[in-house]
Amino acid sequence: MLVGRLGMTAEAAAKVVLRSDDNGPGSSWDYDVVGVLNPFLEALATYQVSEAQARAIITGNPSLLRRSEKLIPEKIEVLLSLGVPEDRVGRVLSMCPQILNYTTDALRASVMFLQHDVGLDDVQVTRLLSSFPRVLVYSGAENMVPKIRMLRTLGWSRADVAKTVAKFPQIFGMTLENI
């Protein structure tokens, strides 16, 4: 199925299936990959996600093979409600398939953090999500707050921080020492 429908090599498909099982090789947990994958791919296709993007989503987050396709619409609806154009949803999810692991409340809380604590406006949030969606899965308290505090202690205004994050969101992926 992964080989035929998504154009993966047999070796790559075997690795994805193996990585999809948190219990590891020889696990007694058994599931029907085809029965899960077909509805999953159909749900993604509803939102113009190409097969190449679907392949990137599944290889980037193999645990999705153990999840219901019913999780997809609510997560995508959050992205759409935040201004991500439907034709960019596949790109956003292929860049950060972990978005599909988060609850809609957690995704909305990340956006609220970016707006209220960082100071981004709606347009900046939309651009940020389209170009660097990983920011949705960073922990505000553990990852983003220390970096914002550091910049503020250097004399940066809230507007300076917001402008920097809007143009260079990768700052949240850096260590404090490398900022």
Foldseek 3Di string as FASTA:
>chain_A
DCCPQLVDDPVLVVVLQQVLDPVGPPDPDDDDLVVAVVLLVVLLVVLVQDSPLVNLLCSVHSVSSVDHSVLPPVLVVLLVVLPQDSNLSSVLCSLPVCSSVDDSVLLVVLVCCLCPVLNADSVLSNQCSSPPVCSSVDDCVPQVVVLVVVVVVVVDDSVRSNVCCSVCVCSSVDDSVVD
